[in-house]
Amino acid sequence: MDNSNFNFSLINYSALFKNCIEIVNKYQSNKNLALGEICRLLNEKIDFYDWVGFYFLNEDKKKLVLLSFAGKPTEHKEIPVGKGICGQVAKTSKSLIVDDVSKEKNYISCDIEVKSEIVVPIFVDSKNIGQIDVDSKKSNAFDENDENFLKQINDLISKNLF
């Protein structure tokens, strides 16, 4: 029996979302601090969320710019639109779950231990302004529960911080 998804059902997404609401309410006047605290919370509370970051679109440069993250430091503080998983999401405005990054031609490696990734766009007034990016050291780590949870967080952020 494959136990790779064993802990996933134990995650209390609704409790974590309530924590995110508290963070946004507490730090509403400081967007960077709020985003950083959300990254830290998700990185600490979900064992397979090994790196969590928020990238935002700089339309003039046609690049994504890393604003906040939790996990190992990354060299990829700017990503051109269209490059890598994040760049693809910036271009298509559609969430992307990659079960095995080694099979993805357009993958930009931040950490050789990363096996899977999920990227979910953030919309303000129907415009894609950025994204949440989560990396995992486990293959096949993410599913629609993670996508829906991250969409909820992004909606919270877009309505309260932008």
C-alpha atoms as a PDB file:
ATOM      1  CA  MET A   1       0.000   0.000   0.000  1.00  0.00           C
ATOM      2  CA  ASP A   2       1.247   3.470  -0.919  1.00  0.00           C
ATOM      3  CA  ASN A   3       1.296   5.641   2.202  1.00  0.00           C
ATOM      4  CA  SER A   4       2.736   8.731   0.510  1.00  0.00           C
ATOM      5  CA  ASN A   5      -0.573  10.589   0.994  1.00  0.00           C
ATOM      6  CA  PHE A   6      -1.156   9.342   4.541  1.00  0.00           C
ATOM      7  CA  ASN A   7      -0.745  12.664   6.395  1.00  0.00           C
ATOM      8  CA  PHE A   8      -2.636  14.730   3.848  1.00  0.00           C
ATOM      9  CA  SER A   9      -6.072  13.880   5.232  1.00  0.00           C
ATOM     10  CA  LEU A  10      -4.978  14.992   8.698  1.00  0.00           C
ATOM     11  CA  ILE A  11      -4.501  18.633   7.659  1.00  0.00           C
ATOM     12  CA  ASN A  12      -7.095  20.956   9.123  1.00  0.00           C
ATOM     13  CA  TYR A  13      -7.299  23.446   6.280  1.00  0.00           C
ATOM     14  CA  SER A  14     -10.175  25.373   7.877  1.00  0.00           C
ATOM     15  CA  ALA A  15      -8.201  25.984  11.092  1.00  0.00           C
ATOM     16  CA  LEU A  16      -5.197  27.134   9.073  1.00  0.00           C
ATOM     17  CA  PHE A  17      -7.400  29.418   7.002  1.00  0.00           C
ATOM     18  CA  LYS A  18      -8.741  30.978  10.221  1.00  0.00           C
ATOM     19  CA  ASN A  19      -5.124  31.588  11.250  1.00  0.00           C
ATOM     20  CA  CYS A  20      -4.536  33.312   7.896  1.00  0.00           C
ATOM     21  CA  ILE A  21      -7.574  35.542   8.501  1.00  0.00           C
ATOM     22  CA  GLU A  22      -6.133  36.495  11.901  1.00  0.00           C
ATOM     23  CA  ILE A  23      -2.766  37.316  10.297  1.00  0.00           C
ATOM     24  CA  VAL A  24      -4.373  39.487   7.607  1.00  0.00           C
ATOM     25  CA  ASN A  25      -6.489  41.316  10.191  1.00  0.00           C
ATOM     26  CA  LYS A  26      -3.492  41.874  12.474  1.00  0.00           C
ATOM     27  CA  TYR A  27      -1.109  43.082   9.751  1.00  0.00           C
ATOM     28  CA  GLN A  28      -3.545  44.674   7.296  1.00  0.00           C
ATOM     29  CA  SER A  29      -1.500  47.886   7.211  1.00  0.00           C
ATOM     30  CA  ASN A  30       1.733  45.981   6.448  1.00  0.00           C
ATOM     31  CA  LYS A  31       1.259  43.781   3.373  1.00  0.00           C
ATOM     32  CA  ASN A  32       4.835  42.423   3.381  1.00  0.00           C
ATOM     33  CA  LEU A  33       4.628  41.371   7.016  1.00  0.00           C
ATOM     34  CA  ALA A  34       1.223  39.723   6.500  1.00  0.00           C
ATOM     35  CA  LEU A  35       2.469  37.761   3.492  1.00  0.00           C
ATOM     36  CA  GLY A  36       5.615  36.711   5.339  1.00  0.00           C
ATOM     37  CA  GLU A  37       3.600  35.485   8.317  1.00  0.00           C
ATOM     38  CA  ILE A  38       1.298  33.475   6.039  1.00  0.00           C
ATOM     39  CA  CYS A  39       4.337  31.877   4.375  1.00  0.00           C
ATOM     40  CA  ARG A  40       5.809  31.025   7.770  1.00  0.00           C
ATOM     41  CA  LEU A  41       2.517  29.569   9.036  1.00  0.00           C
ATOM     42  CA  LEU A  42       2.041  27.289   6.030  1.00  0.00           C
ATOM     43  CA  ASN A  43       5.694  26.223   5.998  1.00  0.00           C
ATOM     44  CA  GLU A  44       5.586  25.336   9.705  1.00  0.00           C
ATOM     45  CA  LYS A  45       2.137  23.738   9.930  1.00  0.00           C
ATOM     46  CA  ILE A  46       2.018  21.621   6.771  1.00  0.00           C
ATOM     47  CA  ASP A  47       4.930  19.206   6.838  1.00  0.00           C
ATOM     48  CA  PHE A  48       5.191  18.811   3.060  1.00  0.00           C
ATOM     49  CA  TYR A  49       5.033  22.577   2.309  1.00  0.00           C
ATOM     50  CA  ASP A  50       8.832  22.829   2.319  1.00  0.00           C
ATOM     51  CA  TRP A  51       9.023  26.244   0.630  1.00  0.00           C
ATOM     52  CA  VAL A  52       6.223  28.818   0.406  1.00  0.00           C
ATOM     53  CA  GLY A  53       6.527  32.131  -1.386  1.00  0.00           C
ATOM     54  CA  PHE A  54       4.589  34.980  -2.943  1.00  0.00           C
ATOM     55  CA  TYR A  55       5.679  36.355  -6.307  1.00  0.00           C
ATOM     56  CA  PHE A  56       4.115  39.498  -7.770  1.00  0.00           C
ATOM     57  CA  LEU A  57       4.088  40.681 -11.355  1.00  0.00           C
ATOM     58  CA  ASN A  58       6.170  43.668 -12.411  1.00  0.00           C
ATOM     59  CA  GLU A  59       4.505  44.403 -15.737  1.00  0.00           C
ATOM     60  CA  ASP A  60       7.156  46.913 -16.863  1.00  0.00           C
ATOM     61  CA  LYS A  61       9.943  44.336 -16.519  1.00  0.00           C
ATOM     62  CA  LYS A  62       7.703  41.397 -17.534  1.00  0.00           C
ATOM     63  CA  LYS A  63       9.014  39.560 -14.486  1.00  0.00           C
ATOM     64  CA  LEU A  64       7.721  38.061 -11.285  1.00  0.00           C
ATOM     65  CA  VAL A  65       9.351  39.484  -8.169  1.00  0.00           C
ATOM     66  CA  LEU A  66       9.618  37.499  -4.927  1.00  0.00           C
ATOM     67  CA  LEU A  67       8.082  39.513  -2.092  1.00  0.00           C
ATOM     68  CA  SER A  68       7.921  37.071   0.843  1.00  0.00           C
ATOM     69  CA  PHE A  69       8.873  33.454   1.480  1.00  0.00           C
ATOM     70  CA  ALA A  70       9.539  30.814   4.128  1.00  0.00           C
ATOM     71  CA  GLY A  71      11.987  27.969   3.598  1.00  0.00           C
ATOM     72  CA  LYS A  72      15.476  27.811   2.121  1.00  0.00           C
ATOM     73  CA  PRO A  73      16.702  31.062   0.548  1.00  0.00           C
ATOM     74  CA  THR A  74      16.450  31.093  -3.244  1.00  0.00           C
ATOM     75  CA  GLU A  75      18.469  32.737  -6.004  1.00  0.00           C
ATOM     76  CA  HIS A  76      15.258  33.177  -7.999  1.00  0.00           C
ATOM     77  CA  LYS A  77      14.098  36.532  -6.692  1.00  0.00           C
ATOM     78  CA  GLU A  78      12.964  37.494 -10.202  1.00  0.00           C
ATOM     79  CA  ILE A  79      11.474  35.128 -12.796  1.00  0.00           C
ATOM     80  CA  PRO A  80      10.682  36.147 -16.385  1.00  0.00           C
ATOM     81  CA  VAL A  81       7.044  35.675 -17.402  1.00  0.00           C
ATOM     82  CA  GLY A  82       6.796  32.354 -19.265  1.00  0.00           C
ATOM     83  CA  LYS A  83       9.887  30.798 -17.647  1.00  0.00           C
ATOM     84  CA  GLY A  84       9.560  27.993 -15.119  1.00  0.00           C
ATOM     85  CA  ILE A  85       6.357  26.884 -13.422  1.00  0.00           C
ATOM     86  CA  CYS A  86       5.791  30.326 -11.891  1.00  0.00           C
ATOM     87  CA  GLY A  87       6.378  32.059 -15.204  1.00  0.00           C
ATOM     88  CA  GLN A  88       3.908  29.723 -16.923  1.00  0.00           C
ATOM     89  CA  VAL A  89       1.220  30.555 -14.358  1.00  0.00           C
ATOM     90  CA  ALA A  90       1.923  34.276 -14.823  1.00  0.00           C
ATOM     91  CA  LYS A  91       1.411  33.818 -18.568  1.00  0.00           C
ATOM     92  CA  THR A  92      -1.672  31.540 -18.498  1.00  0.00           C
ATOM     93  CA  SER A  93      -3.352  32.768 -15.277  1.00  0.00           C
ATOM     94  CA  LYS A  94      -4.149  29.128 -14.449  1.00  0.00           C
ATOM     95  CA  SER A  95      -3.081  27.111 -11.413  1.00  0.00           C
ATOM     96  CA  LEU A  96      -0.504  24.424 -12.030  1.00  0.00           C
ATOM     97  CA  ILE A  97       0.287  21.292 -10.036  1.00  0.00           C
ATOM     98  CA  VAL A  98       3.491  19.491 -11.006  1.00  0.00           C
ATOM     99  CA  ASP A  99       3.719  16.018  -9.461  1.00  0.00           C
ATOM    100  CA  ASP A 100       7.316  15.413 -10.576  1.00  0.00           C
ATOM    101  CA  VAL A 101       9.405  18.488 -11.392  1.00  0.00           C
ATOM    102  CA  SER A 102      12.140  16.337 -12.989  1.00  0.00           C
ATOM    103  CA  LYS A 103       9.732  15.606 -15.857  1.00  0.00           C
ATOM    104  CA  GLU A 104       8.883  19.277 -16.440  1.00  0.00           C
ATOM    105  CA  LYS A 105      10.958  20.800 -19.277  1.00  0.00           C
ATOM    106  CA  ASN A 106      10.282  24.378 -18.185  1.00  0.00           C
ATOM    107  CA  TYR A 107      11.161  23.809 -14.499  1.00  0.00           C
ATOM    108  CA  ILE A 108      13.584  26.237 -12.819  1.00  0.00           C
ATOM    109  CA  SER A 109      15.310  24.416  -9.965  1.00  0.00           C
ATOM    110  CA  CYS A 110      15.560  26.323  -6.696  1.00  0.00           C
ATOM    111  CA  ASP A 111      16.558  23.326  -4.587  1.00  0.00           C
ATOM    112  CA  ILE A 112      17.705  19.902  -5.817  1.00  0.00           C
ATOM    113  CA  GLU A 113      15.573  18.244  -3.119  1.00  0.00           C
ATOM    114  CA  VAL A 114      12.289  19.625  -4.522  1.00  0.00           C
ATOM    115  CA  LYS A 115      10.148  16.919  -6.125  1.00  0.00           C
ATOM    116  CA  SER A 116       6.787  18.640  -6.697  1.00  0.00           C
ATOM    117  CA  GLU A 117       5.323  22.125  -6.905  1.00  0.00           C
ATOM    118  CA  ILE A 118       1.997  23.947  -6.926  1.00  0.00           C
ATOM    119  CA  VAL A 119       1.481  27.513  -8.124  1.00  0.00           C
ATOM    120  CA  VAL A 120      -1.854  29.326  -7.761  1.00  0.00           C
ATOM    121  CA  PRO A 121      -2.451  32.818  -9.208  1.00  0.00           C
ATOM    122  CA  ILE A 122      -3.732  35.795  -7.216  1.00  0.00           C
ATOM    123  CA  PHE A 123      -6.391  37.934  -8.888  1.00  0.00           C
ATOM    124  CA  VAL A 124      -7.476  41.498  -8.125  1.00  0.00           C
ATOM    125  CA  ASP A 125     -10.461  42.679 -10.173  1.00  0.00           C
ATOM    126  CA  SER A 126     -10.015  39.623 -12.448  1.00  0.00           C
ATOM    127  CA  LYS A 127      -6.391  40.597 -13.173  1.00  0.00           C
ATOM    128  CA  ASN A 128      -3.536  38.197 -12.369  1.00  0.00           C
ATOM    129  CA  ILE A 129      -1.205  40.215 -10.108  1.00  0.00           C
ATOM    130  CA  GLY A 130       0.910  37.429  -8.627  1.00  0.00           C
ATOM    131  CA  GLN A 131       0.910  33.955  -7.161  1.00  0.00           C
ATOM    132  CA  ILE A 132       1.590  31.708  -4.251  1.00  0.00           C
ATOM    133  CA  ASP A 133       4.261  29.099  -4.976  1.00  0.00           C
ATOM    134  CA  VAL A 134       4.724  25.997  -2.813  1.00  0.00           C
ATOM    135  CA  ASP A 135       7.512  23.418  -3.232  1.00  0.00           C
ATOM    136  CA  SER A 136       7.688  19.984  -1.649  1.00  0.00           C
ATOM    137  CA  LYS A 137      10.459  17.449  -1.203  1.00  0.00           C
ATOM    138  CA  LYS A 138       7.802  14.755  -1.769  1.00  0.00           C
ATOM    139  CA  SER A 139       6.627  13.638  -5.201  1.00  0.00           C
ATOM    140  CA  ASN A 140       2.892  13.933  -5.887  1.00  0.00           C
ATOM    141  CA  ALA A 141       2.526  16.089  -2.777  1.00  0.00           C
ATOM    142  CA  PHE A 142      -0.304  18.338  -3.959  1.00  0.00           C
ATOM    143  CA  ASP A 143      -3.910  17.797  -4.980  1.00  0.00           C
ATOM    144  CA  GLU A 144      -7.142  19.736  -5.447  1.00  0.00           C
ATOM    145  CA  ASN A 145      -7.459  20.202  -1.663  1.00  0.00           C
ATOM    146  CA  ASP A 146      -4.208  22.169  -1.673  1.00  0.00           C
ATOM    147  CA  GLU A 147      -5.260  24.103  -4.760  1.00  0.00           C
ATOM    148  CA  ASN A 148      -8.623  25.055  -3.232  1.00  0.00           C
ATOM    149  CA  PHE A 149      -6.985  25.990   0.078  1.00  0.00           C
ATOM    150  CA  LEU A 150      -4.403  28.194  -1.653  1.00  0.00           C
ATOM    151  CA  LYS A 151      -7.125  29.823  -3.779  1.00  0.00           C
ATOM    152  CA  GLN A 152      -8.960  30.712  -0.548  1.00  0.00           C
ATOM    153  CA  ILE A 153      -5.804  32.284   0.857  1.00  0.00           C
ATOM    154  CA  ASN A 154      -5.219  34.213  -2.364  1.00  0.00           C
ATOM    155  CA  ASP A 155      -8.817  35.499  -2.321  1.00  0.00           C
ATOM    156  CA  LEU A 156      -8.342  36.619   1.282  1.00  0.00           C
ATOM    157  CA  ILE A 157      -5.128  38.415   0.343  1.00  0.00           C
ATOM    158  CA  SER A 158      -6.541  40.087  -2.761  1.00  0.00           C
ATOM    159  CA  LYS A 159      -9.618  41.397  -0.941  1.00  0.00           C
ATOM    160  CA  ASN A 160      -7.822  42.623   2.164  1.00  0.00           C
ATOM    161  CA  LEU A 161      -4.258  43.575   1.228  1.00  0.00           C
ATOM    162  CA  PHE A 162      -4.649  45.031  -2.288  1.00  0.00           C
END
